[in-house]
Amino acid sequence: MKKYIILFVLGLASYAAFFLLKQNDFDNKSYDVRIVNGFSNNSSLPLVIWCGADDGSDIGGRALQERDDYSWSVTTGLWKTPLYVCTMKCDGKRKTFEAFRVNRDRYRCGNYRQCFWLVKEDGFYFSNDEITWKKDFSWM
């Protein structure tokens, strides 16, 4: 009987430790997401962006001229793991992409939880410091 009680207590302690670790990963973290128009010459034709969350909320859109940006904050939680999807259009090009996905971005956005996108003629670049950019994908 004593053996079963010990196993039960150990199982309960393991479950509590797992729950606390998971909660620490997701609980009340705030991320800044910023998308910048990095086109070299689109002064006459803006980059149009429209974004929304997977819960159906629409955060709106804008027409971005050169170096304009569009930004918002995301708060995550144990039961709140948001996904933000944006559609970009410029001069016949159109692309929908995941601007923020907590499972992907909680580590790559860095200690300061900064998630930056630079949209250029050849594709979409990601950074967490606005110095080092890595191309994530192309328009097509």
C-alpha atoms as a PDB file:
ATOM      1  CA  MET A   1       0.000   0.000   0.000  1.00  0.00           C
ATOM      2  CA  LYS A   2       2.829   2.353   0.895  1.00  0.00           C
ATOM      3  CA  LYS A   3       4.371   1.745  -2.534  1.00  0.00           C
ATOM      4  CA  TYR A   4       1.166   2.899  -4.294  1.00  0.00           C
ATOM      5  CA  ILE A   5       0.954   6.042  -2.205  1.00  0.00           C
ATOM      6  CA  ILE A   6       4.555   6.920  -3.073  1.00  0.00           C
ATOM      7  CA  LEU A   7       3.892   6.303  -6.777  1.00  0.00           C
ATOM      8  CA  PHE A   8       0.735   8.431  -6.604  1.00  0.00           C
ATOM      9  CA  VAL A   9       2.599  11.301  -4.897  1.00  0.00           C
ATOM     10  CA  LEU A  10       5.435  11.107  -7.435  1.00  0.00           C
ATOM     11  CA  GLY A  11       2.943  11.104 -10.311  1.00  0.00           C
ATOM     12  CA  LEU A  12       1.104  14.082  -8.856  1.00  0.00           C
ATOM     13  CA  ALA A  13       4.388  15.963  -8.340  1.00  0.00           C
ATOM     14  CA  SER A  14       5.428  15.234 -11.951  1.00  0.00           C
ATOM     15  CA  TYR A  15       2.109  16.496 -13.261  1.00  0.00           C
ATOM     16  CA  ALA A  16       2.371  19.675 -11.140  1.00  0.00           C
ATOM     17  CA  ALA A  17       5.941  20.317 -12.347  1.00  0.00           C
ATOM     18  CA  PHE A  18       4.896  19.826 -15.988  1.00  0.00           C
ATOM     19  CA  PHE A  19       1.913  22.165 -15.543  1.00  0.00           C
ATOM     20  CA  LEU A  20       4.071  24.878 -13.938  1.00  0.00           C
ATOM     21  CA  LEU A  21       6.700  24.616 -16.688  1.00  0.00           C
ATOM     22  CA  LYS A  22       4.043  24.899 -19.373  1.00  0.00           C
ATOM     23  CA  GLN A  23       2.460  27.816 -17.581  1.00  0.00           C
ATOM     24  CA  ASN A  24       5.820  29.571 -17.387  1.00  0.00           C
ATOM     25  CA  ASP A  25       6.273  29.125 -21.155  1.00  0.00           C
ATOM     26  CA  PHE A  26       2.973  30.738 -22.081  1.00  0.00           C
ATOM     27  CA  ASP A  27       1.651  32.742 -19.148  1.00  0.00           C
ATOM     28  CA  ASN A  28       1.175  36.453 -19.740  1.00  0.00           C
ATOM     29  CA  LYS A  29       4.019  37.055 -22.165  1.00  0.00           C
ATOM     30  CA  SER A  30       3.776  40.102 -24.373  1.00  0.00           C
ATOM     31  CA  TYR A  31       5.329  40.190 -27.850  1.00  0.00           C
ATOM     32  CA  ASP A  32       5.752  43.127 -30.212  1.00  0.00           C
ATOM     33  CA  VAL A  33       5.132  42.329 -33.878  1.00  0.00           C
ATOM     34  CA  ARG A  34       6.269  44.835 -36.497  1.00  0.00           C
ATOM     35  CA  ILE A  35       6.074  44.606 -40.282  1.00  0.00           C
ATOM     36  CA  VAL A  36       8.097  47.099 -42.347  1.00  0.00           C
ATOM     37  CA  ASN A  37       7.773  47.931 -46.034  1.00  0.00           C
ATOM     38  CA  GLY A  38      11.298  47.301 -47.291  1.00  0.00           C
ATOM     39  CA  PHE A  39      10.594  47.842 -50.976  1.00  0.00           C
ATOM     40  CA  SER A  40      13.281  50.007 -52.570  1.00  0.00           C
ATOM     41  CA  ASN A  41      10.957  52.038 -54.797  1.00  0.00           C
ATOM     42  CA  ASN A  42       7.218  51.852 -54.445  1.00  0.00           C
ATOM     43  CA  SER A  43       6.448  55.502 -53.784  1.00  0.00           C
ATOM     44  CA  SER A  44       3.584  55.478 -56.266  1.00  0.00           C
ATOM     45  CA  LEU A  45       2.201  52.043 -55.327  1.00  0.00           C
ATOM     46  CA  PRO A  46       1.914  51.164 -51.610  1.00  0.00           C
ATOM     47  CA  LEU A  47       2.277  47.794 -49.953  1.00  0.00           C
ATOM     48  CA  VAL A  48      -1.191  46.939 -48.638  1.00  0.00           C
ATOM     49  CA  ILE A  49      -1.416  44.865 -45.464  1.00  0.00           C
ATOM     50  CA  TRP A  50      -4.400  43.392 -43.623  1.00  0.00           C
ATOM     51  CA  CYS A  51      -4.095  41.272 -40.474  1.00  0.00           C
ATOM     52  CA  GLY A  52      -6.316  39.295 -38.137  1.00  0.00           C
ATOM     53  CA  ALA A  53      -6.175  36.713 -35.387  1.00  0.00           C
ATOM     54  CA  ASP A  54      -7.321  33.107 -35.507  1.00  0.00           C
ATOM     55  CA  ASP A  55     -10.072  33.914 -33.021  1.00  0.00           C
ATOM     56  CA  GLY A  56     -11.779  35.961 -35.729  1.00  0.00           C
ATOM     57  CA  SER A  57     -10.689  39.364 -34.485  1.00  0.00           C
ATOM     58  CA  ASP A  58      -9.597  41.758 -37.181  1.00  0.00           C
ATOM     59  CA  ILE A  59      -6.765  44.134 -36.307  1.00  0.00           C
ATOM     60  CA  GLY A  60      -7.178  46.034 -39.547  1.00  0.00           C
ATOM     61  CA  GLY A  61      -4.997  47.106 -42.387  1.00  0.00           C
ATOM     62  CA  ARG A  62      -2.981  49.905 -43.895  1.00  0.00           C
ATOM     63  CA  ALA A  63      -1.303  51.018 -47.080  1.00  0.00           C
ATOM     64  CA  LEU A  64       2.424  51.252 -46.347  1.00  0.00           C
ATOM     65  CA  GLN A  65       4.732  53.527 -48.293  1.00  0.00           C
ATOM     66  CA  GLU A  66       8.506  52.963 -48.281  1.00  0.00           C
ATOM     67  CA  ARG A  67       9.810  52.312 -44.722  1.00  0.00           C
ATOM     68  CA  ASP A  68       6.336  52.655 -43.189  1.00  0.00           C
ATOM     69  CA  ASP A  69       5.486  50.016 -40.619  1.00  0.00           C
ATOM     70  CA  TYR A  70       2.497  48.257 -39.131  1.00  0.00           C
ATOM     71  CA  SER A  71       2.741  46.954 -35.573  1.00  0.00           C
ATOM     72  CA  TRP A  72       0.772  45.494 -32.695  1.00  0.00           C
ATOM     73  CA  SER A  73       1.303  43.663 -29.417  1.00  0.00           C
ATOM     74  CA  VAL A  74       0.350  40.069 -28.701  1.00  0.00           C
ATOM     75  CA  THR A  75      -0.267  38.674 -25.226  1.00  0.00           C
ATOM     76  CA  THR A  76      -0.061  34.945 -24.700  1.00  0.00           C
ATOM     77  CA  GLY A  77      -1.265  32.820 -21.815  1.00  0.00           C
ATOM     78  CA  LEU A  78      -1.603  29.225 -20.752  1.00  0.00           C
ATOM     79  CA  TRP A  79      -4.911  28.881 -22.598  1.00  0.00           C
ATOM     80  CA  LYS A  80      -4.260  31.707 -25.073  1.00  0.00           C
ATOM     81  CA  THR A  81      -1.891  30.786 -27.902  1.00  0.00           C
ATOM     82  CA  PRO A  82      -2.777  33.284 -30.615  1.00  0.00           C
ATOM     83  CA  LEU A  83      -2.040  33.073 -34.310  1.00  0.00           C
ATOM     84  CA  TYR A  84      -1.955  36.235 -36.429  1.00  0.00           C
ATOM     85  CA  VAL A  85      -2.212  35.973 -40.191  1.00  0.00           C
ATOM     86  CA  CYS A  86      -1.546  38.852 -42.581  1.00  0.00           C
ATOM     87  CA  THR A  87      -2.252  39.283 -46.273  1.00  0.00           C
ATOM     88  CA  MET A  88       0.117  41.502 -48.245  1.00  0.00           C
ATOM     89  CA  LYS A  89      -0.525  42.930 -51.709  1.00  0.00           C
ATOM     90  CA  CYS A  90       1.658  45.014 -53.994  1.00  0.00           C
ATOM     91  CA  ASP A  91       1.697  45.440 -57.767  1.00  0.00           C
ATOM     92  CA  GLY A  92      -0.054  42.184 -58.598  1.00  0.00           C
ATOM     93  CA  LYS A  93       1.775  40.197 -55.917  1.00  0.00           C
ATOM     94  CA  ARG A  94      -0.268  38.715 -53.089  1.00  0.00           C
ATOM     95  CA  LYS A  95       0.847  36.617 -50.120  1.00  0.00           C
ATOM     96  CA  THR A  96      -0.831  35.422 -46.934  1.00  0.00           C
ATOM     97  CA  PHE A  97       1.495  34.411 -44.117  1.00  0.00           C
ATOM     98  CA  GLU A  98       1.597  33.752 -40.391  1.00  0.00           C
ATOM     99  CA  ALA A  99       2.991  36.945 -38.876  1.00  0.00           C
ATOM    100  CA  PHE A 100       2.923  35.509 -35.356  1.00  0.00           C
ATOM    101  CA  ARG A 101       2.481  31.948 -34.122  1.00  0.00           C
ATOM    102  CA  VAL A 102       3.360  31.449 -30.452  1.00  0.00           C
ATOM    103  CA  ASN A 103       4.710  27.897 -30.842  1.00  0.00           C
ATOM    104  CA  ARG A 104       7.124  29.089 -33.536  1.00  0.00           C
ATOM    105  CA  ASP A 105       7.925  32.578 -32.281  1.00  0.00           C
ATOM    106  CA  ARG A 106       8.217  32.328 -28.499  1.00  0.00           C
ATOM    107  CA  TYR A 107      11.910  31.447 -28.880  1.00  0.00           C
ATOM    108  CA  ARG A 108      12.938  33.089 -32.115  1.00  0.00           C
ATOM    109  CA  CYS A 109      11.631  36.537 -31.098  1.00  0.00           C
ATOM    110  CA  GLY A 110      14.408  36.650 -28.496  1.00  0.00           C
ATOM    111  CA  ASN A 111      14.593  37.692 -24.863  1.00  0.00           C
ATOM    112  CA  TYR A 112      12.914  41.016 -25.593  1.00  0.00           C
ATOM    113  CA  ARG A 113      10.076  39.268 -27.473  1.00  0.00           C
ATOM    114  CA  GLN A 114      10.472  41.420 -30.594  1.00  0.00           C
ATOM    115  CA  CYS A 115       9.217  39.894 -33.845  1.00  0.00           C
ATOM    116  CA  PHE A 116      10.170  41.965 -36.896  1.00  0.00           C
ATOM    117  CA  TRP A 117       9.297  41.370 -40.547  1.00  0.00           C
ATOM    118  CA  LEU A 118      10.852  43.197 -43.497  1.00  0.00           C
ATOM    119  CA  VAL A 119       8.916  42.789 -46.737  1.00  0.00           C
ATOM    120  CA  LYS A 120      11.041  43.247 -49.852  1.00  0.00           C
ATOM    121  CA  GLU A 121      10.664  42.657 -53.569  1.00  0.00           C
ATOM    122  CA  ASP A 122      12.193  39.166 -53.292  1.00  0.00           C
ATOM    123  CA  GLY A 123      10.471  37.984 -50.115  1.00  0.00           C
ATOM    124  CA  PHE A 124       9.815  38.183 -46.394  1.00  0.00           C
ATOM    125  CA  TYR A 125      12.653  38.529 -43.892  1.00  0.00           C
ATOM    126  CA  PHE A 126      12.536  37.922 -40.127  1.00  0.00           C
ATOM    127  CA  SER A 127      14.609  39.429 -37.300  1.00  0.00           C
ATOM    128  CA  ASN A 128      14.445  39.818 -33.543  1.00  0.00           C
ATOM    129  CA  ASP A 129      16.868  42.761 -33.443  1.00  0.00           C
ATOM    130  CA  GLU A 130      16.320  44.618 -36.768  1.00  0.00           C
ATOM    131  CA  ILE A 131      20.017  44.108 -37.549  1.00  0.00           C
ATOM    132  CA  THR A 132      20.304  40.465 -38.581  1.00  0.00           C
ATOM    133  CA  TRP A 133      17.658  39.479 -41.144  1.00  0.00           C
ATOM    134  CA  LYS A 134      16.931  35.949 -42.372  1.00  0.00           C
ATOM    135  CA  LYS A 135      14.786  35.342 -45.418  1.00  0.00           C
ATOM    136  CA  ASP A 136      11.880  33.125 -44.392  1.00  0.00           C
ATOM    137  CA  PHE A 137      10.100  32.828 -47.732  1.00  0.00           C
ATOM    138  CA  SER A 138       9.476  34.347 -51.153  1.00  0.00           C
ATOM    139  CA  TRP A 139       6.352  35.948 -52.542  1.00  0.00           C
ATOM    140  CA  MET A 140       5.440  32.868 -54.587  1.00  0.00           C
END
